[in-house]
Amino acid sequence: IERSFKHTTIYLAGFNKAGKVCGILPAVELKSKLFGHFVVSLPYFTYGGVLADNDEISSRLYQALFDEAKSLGAGHVELRATSVQHSLQKDTPAKLSKVSMVRSLPDSVEQLWDDIGTKVRAQIKKAQRFELNMKFGKGELLDDFYRVFAENMRDLGTPVYSKQFFKELIGSSLSDRFNIGVVYFEGKPVSTCFLMRHKGMMEIPWASALNSVNHMNVNMFMYWEILQYAIKGGSRSFDFGRSSKDAGTYRFKKQWGAEPQQLYWYYWLPNGGELPELNPNNPKYKLLIAVWQKLPVWLTKWIGPPVVKYLP
């Protein structure tokens, strides 16, 4: 995040009497004239917040972050947690609109094929008739990934991340945990994904497909290939990413057997007021989204990264 977006990062750690780390809390400061000044743990990803041995340590780390944010003049702090944070005060409200969609994975691809049911299997078979093929790799697939990703983001009306962000992830010291997947039709990339692995869990934080191939059920083909890849690589569960409850993406993920896992996004608001709404569902961004969808892709690749870096 530092190298890709030039943001200031905040690293807090707690130590016990023996000098051993007993808690950590990473965060990122985002500051812009357009979207305001705030701190997030962690932006761009679903998960964040504190990791600590107990609630007392969590409480002290949270308070240290709030003190730091106050000294910076930030308008709020956003904390992305996967469980109720008992160490936070009652005046730290939480949004409960988002869930992660996660399914456990069987030991074999054959068992998964049996588990997903007749309807999903029929959609996969329809896609397979188009002679699609999928490759998994790293930096050698980055250009094809980004070509599809940028066009899809334009069509959604969302500013696109810079290619440098994904290059930094693939080239980082944790590169063994990241992979790119690209689906090809007649030699051209038409659908793509970015994958992360950690402790038996594979997650898909970013996935895209071209509108021109929607009639081929390309996404059904891609996710079937990804789930096979996850099982063969030893993953025990698959995180389809976050969704709003009952949204179209929620229903798409649920048909694969994914179950909702509640996300708790807490907000420290030093001056009170309403919870921030920096998301595409905010009515005040409706016109901007409509305009963005009409821009040429090359232009969104140029003006998108300086904008989206301030959208957590």
Foldseek 3Di string as FASTA:
>chain_A
DCVQQVWDKDKDFDADPVRDTFKIAIKTWFDDPVAHTEIEQYPPAQAGAMDGPDLVRSLVRVVVVVVVCVVVVGQKYKHKHLDDRPSDDPVWAWDFQKWWWKDFADLALVVLCVPLDDVLNVLLVLLVVQVKDKDKAAPVCLVLQVVQQLLQCLQQLAQDAASVVRVCCCPDPQVVQKMKMFMDGPRHTFKIFIWGDDDLEIETSDIGGDPVCVVSSVVSNVVSVVSNVSSVVRRGMYTDHMDGPPDPSNVVSVSSVIDTRTMIIIMDGPVDDDDDDLDPVPVVCVVSSVVSSPDDSVVSNVPRNVPCSNRD
